C-alpha cells in the first residue's frame, strides 16, 4: 500500500476529437494498481484549427470510414464539440472511480504539440490518442484478434527498464503481447541496446527487432506489421521534440504512452 508521504504518481491523459477516448482509457486499466496512489490528469485538447472551424458559418465533416459528408452550422458544430468533451470527462471519471484513483479534468486550447511537450515534461506518464481513427476501429473483423499487441520503442539503456515495466503492466503481465523495436539510426550502439533489452526480458517471450532502415517513417510501418494497438516509448528529449511528437500524433494509428518515470 502507499505510504502517507508518498507522492502520487501522475498520469496525464490527453484526449481530443480523435475518437479513441474510451478505448484509450480502457487500455490503461491494468496500469492503475491500487497498491500506489495515482492521480489521473485528464486534458481535453481544443485545437485552434477545430475552434476556427467551429466559428465559421458552416463546416462539412467527412467520415473516414463511410466517406459520408455531413454539413454542420455554427451552433451544431459547437454542440458536437461540447458533447465530445463531456463524454471524455465522464469516461475519465468512471475509470477513476472504478480503480479508486484521484482525477482532475480540464480543457486546453492552443498547439497540440506544445501541450504534449509540457505534459511529458511534468507527468510520470503521458498518454494521448491519434489524430486519425485507430486501426483497431478500421480493421477487418478477422484481424481484431491480432490487434492487442503492445509495441515498445527502446532508445537507450537508462530508460529501457521502465518502458518495459510499463508495457508489462499494460499487458496484464502477458509478455507474449509485447514486441520491442530499436531504431539503429537513432541509437549510438543499437546492438548493445538490443542485447540489454533481451537480458531484461530474459525468460519471457518479448521479441526485439530493428526498425527497417532506421527512419522515423519506418516506425509506423513496423507497428502496422506487428498489429500494434498501443505504443510505449520513453519521454526522452529526442522523443519529445516537436517533429517527433507531431509524427507520433499524426502518423501512428494507435494511442501512445510516453514514460518519464515509473517504479514498481
Protein backbone atom coordinates (compact mmCIF):
# COMPACT_ATOMS: atom_id res chain seq x y z
CA UNK A 1 0.00 0.00 0.00
CA UNK A 2 1.13 3.60 -0.49
CA UNK A 3 2.78 5.46 2.38
CA UNK A 4 1.18 8.69 3.69
CA UNK A 5 4.17 10.74 2.50
CA UNK A 6 4.46 9.07 -0.88
CA UNK A 7 3.99 11.35 -3.89
CA UNK A 8 1.06 10.46 -6.09
CA UNK A 9 2.16 9.19 -9.45
CA UNK A 10 0.73 11.35 -12.20
CA UNK A 11 -0.67 10.03 -15.46
CA UNK A 12 -1.57 12.78 -17.93
CA UNK A 13 -4.27 11.62 -20.35
CA UNK A 14 -4.58 13.92 -23.33
CA UNK A 15 -7.94 13.40 -25.01
CA UNK A 16 -9.47 15.00 -28.04
CA UNK A 17 -11.76 14.55 -31.02
CA UNK A 18 -9.79 11.60 -32.40
CA UNK A 19 -12.49 9.10 -31.44
CA UNK A 20 -10.36 6.79 -29.27
CA UNK A 21 -11.00 8.24 -25.78
CA UNK A 22 -12.97 5.31 -24.34
CA UNK A 23 -10.62 2.74 -25.87
CA UNK A 24 -7.59 4.66 -24.60
CA UNK A 25 -8.92 4.74 -21.04
CA UNK A 26 -9.79 1.04 -21.12
CA UNK A 27 -6.22 0.22 -22.13
CA UNK A 28 -4.89 1.96 -19.02
CA UNK A 29 -6.80 -0.16 -16.51
CA UNK A 30 -4.03 -2.75 -15.89
CA UNK A 31 -1.61 0.06 -15.04
CA UNK A 32 -3.81 1.58 -12.37
CA UNK A 33 -2.87 -0.66 -9.46
CA UNK A 34 -4.43 0.01 -6.06
CA UNK A 35 -1.01 -0.51 -4.43
CA UNK A 36 0.11 3.01 -5.28
CA UNK A 37 -1.55 6.41 -5.15
CA UNK A 38 -2.22 7.50 -8.72
CA UNK A 39 -3.63 10.78 -9.98
CA UNK A 40 -5.24 10.85 -13.41
CA UNK A 41 -4.93 14.25 -15.07
CA UNK A 42 -7.36 14.45 -17.96
CA UNK A 43 -6.75 17.18 -20.54
CA UNK A 44 -9.17 17.72 -23.39
CA UNK A 45 -7.34 19.28 -26.29
CA UNK A 46 -9.21 22.02 -28.14
CA UNK A 47 -7.07 22.65 -31.20
CA UNK A 48 -7.06 26.08 -32.78
CA UNK A 49 -7.93 24.65 -36.21
CA UNK A 50 -11.05 22.98 -34.82
CA UNK A 51 -12.08 26.11 -32.92
CA UNK A 52 -11.60 28.14 -36.11
CA UNK A 53 -13.85 25.71 -37.98
CA UNK A 54 -16.49 25.97 -35.26
CA UNK A 55 -16.52 29.77 -35.67
CA UNK A 56 -17.34 29.56 -39.38
CA UNK A 57 -20.95 29.85 -40.63
CA UNK A 58 -20.94 26.18 -41.60
CA UNK A 59 -18.49 23.30 -41.95
CA UNK A 60 -18.51 19.93 -43.67
CA UNK A 61 -17.34 16.75 -41.97
CA UNK A 62 -16.08 13.76 -43.96
CA UNK A 63 -16.36 10.41 -42.20
CA UNK A 64 -13.12 8.48 -42.89
CA UNK A 65 -14.90 5.14 -42.51
CA UNK A 66 -18.06 5.62 -44.62
CA UNK A 67 -16.91 8.69 -46.62
CA UNK A 68 -20.27 10.31 -45.91
CA UNK A 69 -20.21 14.12 -45.89
CA UNK A 70 -22.28 15.93 -43.25
CA UNK A 71 -22.84 19.66 -43.06
CA UNK A 72 -22.94 21.50 -39.72
CA UNK A 73 -23.85 25.08 -38.97
CA UNK A 74 -22.01 27.03 -36.27
CA UNK A 75 -24.40 26.07 -33.46
CA UNK A 76 -24.43 22.36 -34.36
CA UNK A 77 -20.63 22.26 -34.55
CA UNK A 78 -20.23 23.82 -31.12
CA UNK A 79 -22.78 21.42 -29.62
CA UNK A 80 -20.93 18.47 -31.13
CA UNK A 81 -17.58 19.64 -29.71
CA UNK A 82 -19.09 20.23 -26.28
CA UNK A 83 -20.66 16.77 -26.31
CA UNK A 84 -17.31 15.16 -27.15
CA UNK A 85 -15.63 16.96 -24.27
CA UNK A 86 -18.37 15.97 -21.83
CA UNK A 87 -18.17 12.36 -22.99
CA UNK A 88 -14.41 12.32 -22.41
CA UNK A 89 -14.81 13.87 -18.94
CA UNK A 90 -17.47 11.32 -17.97
CA UNK A 91 -15.39 8.37 -19.22
CA UNK A 92 -12.38 9.56 -17.19
CA UNK A 93 -14.49 9.99 -14.05
CA UNK A 94 -15.93 6.48 -14.42
CA UNK A 95 -12.46 4.95 -14.82
CA UNK A 96 -11.05 6.85 -11.82
CA UNK A 97 -13.98 5.73 -9.65
CA UNK A 98 -13.55 2.09 -10.66
CA UNK A 99 -9.85 1.98 -9.77
CA UNK A 100 -10.04 4.29 -6.78
CA UNK A 101 -7.73 6.93 -8.26
CA UNK A 102 -7.89 10.67 -7.84
CA UNK A 103 -8.57 12.62 -11.01
CA UNK A 104 -8.86 16.08 -12.50
CA UNK A 105 -10.09 17.30 -15.86
CA UNK A 106 -9.57 20.48 -17.83
CA UNK A 107 -9.76 21.71 -21.38
CA UNK A 108 -6.83 23.40 -23.08
CA UNK A 109 -6.69 25.50 -26.23
CA UNK A 110 -3.66 26.01 -28.42
CA UNK A 111 -0.98 23.92 -30.05
CA UNK A 112 -1.37 20.17 -29.55
CA UNK A 113 2.38 19.59 -29.78
CA UNK A 114 3.20 22.24 -27.15
CA UNK A 115 0.59 20.76 -24.83
CA UNK A 116 2.10 17.29 -25.23
CA UNK A 117 5.61 18.64 -24.59
CA UNK A 118 4.50 20.24 -21.32
CA UNK A 119 2.63 17.15 -20.20
CA UNK A 120 5.54 14.81 -20.99
CA UNK A 121 7.93 17.01 -19.01
CA UNK A 122 5.74 17.11 -15.91
CA UNK A 123 3.80 13.83 -15.62
CA UNK A 124 5.26 10.41 -14.87
CA UNK A 125 3.38 9.00 -17.85
CA UNK A 126 1.68 10.89 -20.69
CA UNK A 127 -0.85 9.10 -22.87
CA UNK A 128 -2.51 10.54 -25.95
CA UNK A 129 -4.71 9.37 -28.77
CA UNK A 130 -4.00 9.65 -32.50
CA UNK A 131 -5.50 12.29 -34.75
CA UNK A 132 -6.83 9.73 -37.20
CA UNK A 133 -9.14 6.85 -36.22
CA UNK A 134 -7.10 3.99 -34.70
CA UNK A 135 -6.52 0.98 -36.90
CA UNK A 136 -8.45 -1.23 -34.49
CA UNK A 137 -11.58 0.68 -35.48
CA UNK A 138 -11.00 0.10 -39.19
CA UNK A 139 -9.53 -3.41 -39.25
CA UNK A 140 -11.47 -6.25 -40.84
CA UNK A 141 -13.19 -8.48 -38.31
CA UNK A 142 -10.70 -11.26 -38.98
CA UNK A 143 -7.81 -9.12 -37.73
CA UNK A 144 -9.38 -7.95 -34.49
CA UNK A 145 -7.99 -10.89 -32.55
CA UNK A 146 -4.45 -9.86 -33.52
CA UNK A 147 -4.79 -6.19 -32.64
CA UNK A 148 -3.90 -6.39 -28.96
CA UNK A 149 -0.12 -6.19 -29.37
CA UNK A 150 1.92 -3.63 -27.44
CA UNK A 151 4.88 -2.09 -29.25
CA UNK A 152 7.77 -0.81 -27.13
CA UNK A 153 10.32 1.59 -28.59
CA UNK A 154 13.74 1.31 -26.89
CA UNK A 155 16.06 4.28 -27.34
CA UNK A 156 18.66 3.96 -24.56
CA UNK A 157 19.78 1.67 -21.75
CA UNK A 158 18.71 4.05 -18.97
CA UNK A 159 15.03 4.20 -19.97
CA UNK A 160 14.62 0.65 -21.31
CA UNK A 161 13.79 -0.93 -17.96
CA UNK A 162 10.97 1.47 -17.11
CA UNK A 163 9.32 1.37 -20.55
CA UNK A 164 9.40 -2.43 -20.48
CA UNK A 165 7.96 -2.37 -16.94
CA UNK A 166 5.06 -0.19 -18.06
CA UNK A 167 4.43 -2.35 -21.14
CA UNK A 168 4.30 -5.46 -18.99
CA UNK A 169 1.77 -3.87 -16.66
CA UNK A 170 -0.35 -2.63 -19.55
CA UNK A 171 -0.31 -6.14 -20.98
CA UNK A 172 -1.50 -7.61 -17.70
CA UNK A 173 1.78 -9.48 -17.30
CA UNK A 174 1.36 -11.26 -20.64
CA UNK A 175 4.73 -10.66 -22.34
CA UNK A 176 3.51 -12.59 -25.37
CA UNK A 177 1.61 -9.44 -26.33
CA UNK A 178 4.78 -7.29 -26.37
CA UNK A 179 7.31 -6.72 -29.12
CA UNK A 180 10.26 -4.35 -28.86
CA UNK A 181 11.76 -2.09 -31.51
CA UNK A 182 15.14 -0.39 -31.84
CA UNK A 183 15.87 2.26 -34.46
CA UNK A 184 19.55 1.80 -35.46
CA UNK A 185 20.00 5.32 -36.86
CA UNK A 186 18.77 6.88 -33.61
CA UNK A 187 20.82 4.82 -31.14
CA UNK A 188 24.59 5.05 -30.64
CA UNK A 189 25.02 1.29 -30.14
CA UNK A 190 21.84 -0.46 -31.22
CA UNK A 191 23.36 -3.96 -30.88
CA UNK A 192 24.34 -3.31 -27.24
CA UNK A 193 20.90 -1.85 -26.50
CA UNK A 194 19.12 -4.83 -28.06
CA UNK A 195 21.28 -7.18 -26.00
CA UNK A 196 20.49 -5.21 -22.82
CA UNK A 197 16.76 -5.42 -23.54
CA UNK A 198 16.96 -9.15 -24.19
CA UNK A 199 18.65 -9.54 -20.78
CA UNK A 200 15.86 -7.55 -19.14
CA UNK A 201 13.25 -9.69 -20.87
CA UNK A 202 15.03 -12.98 -20.17
CA UNK A 203 12.62 -15.80 -19.55
CA UNK A 204 9.81 -14.02 -21.38
CA UNK A 205 8.59 -14.11 -24.96
CA UNK A 206 9.39 -10.48 -25.74
CA UNK A 207 10.96 -10.17 -29.19
CA UNK A 208 13.24 -7.26 -30.09
CA UNK A 209 13.63 -6.25 -33.72
CA UNK A 210 15.36 -3.38 -35.52
CA UNK A 211 13.17 -0.96 -37.44
CA UNK A 212 13.97 -1.37 -41.13
CA UNK A 213 16.17 1.44 -42.48
CA UNK A 214 16.02 3.07 -39.06
CA UNK A 215 13.96 6.03 -40.28
CA UNK A 216 11.16 7.55 -38.26
CA UNK A 217 8.63 6.90 -41.04
CA UNK A 218 9.51 3.19 -40.89
CA UNK A 219 8.31 3.09 -37.28
CA UNK A 220 4.69 3.41 -38.39
CA UNK A 221 5.16 0.57 -40.88
CA UNK A 222 6.77 -1.68 -38.26
CA UNK A 223 3.85 -1.09 -35.94
CA UNK A 224 1.27 -1.89 -38.61
CA UNK A 225 3.13 -5.08 -39.47
CA UNK A 226 3.10 -6.05 -35.79
CA UNK A 227 -0.62 -5.25 -35.39
CA UNK A 228 0.22 -2.87 -32.54
CA UNK A 229 -2.69 -1.28 -30.71
CA UNK A 230 -0.51 0.72 -28.30
CA UNK A 231 2.97 2.25 -28.42
CA UNK A 232 5.06 2.63 -25.25
CA UNK A 233 8.13 4.86 -25.58
CA UNK A 234 10.44 6.82 -23.24
CA UNK A 235 9.78 10.52 -22.70
CA UNK A 236 13.36 11.42 -23.62
CA UNK A 237 14.47 14.68 -25.18
CA UNK A 238 14.56 13.10 -28.63
CA UNK A 239 11.06 11.62 -28.29
CA UNK A 240 9.52 14.89 -27.07
CA UNK A 241 10.88 17.18 -29.78
CA UNK A 242 8.15 18.88 -31.76
CA UNK A 243 8.68 16.97 -35.06
CA UNK A 244 8.62 13.58 -33.28
CA UNK A 245 5.51 14.41 -31.24
CA UNK A 246 3.78 15.63 -34.39
CA UNK A 247 4.75 12.41 -36.18
CA UNK A 248 3.54 10.21 -33.31
CA UNK A 249 0.24 12.01 -33.10
CA UNK A 250 -0.46 12.21 -36.83
CA UNK A 251 1.13 9.04 -38.27
CA UNK A 252 0.92 6.39 -35.54
CA UNK A 253 -2.53 4.82 -35.77
CA UNK A 254 -2.88 3.88 -32.11
CA UNK A 255 -2.60 5.52 -28.66
CA UNK A 256 0.91 6.49 -27.49
CA UNK A 257 2.25 6.16 -23.94
CA UNK A 258 5.34 8.25 -23.08
CA UNK A 259 7.11 7.16 -19.89
CA UNK A 260 9.20 9.68 -17.94
CA UNK A 261 9.33 7.80 -14.61
CA UNK A 262 7.69 4.64 -13.28
CA UNK A 263 8.92 2.42 -10.46
CA UNK A 264 7.45 -0.78 -9.02
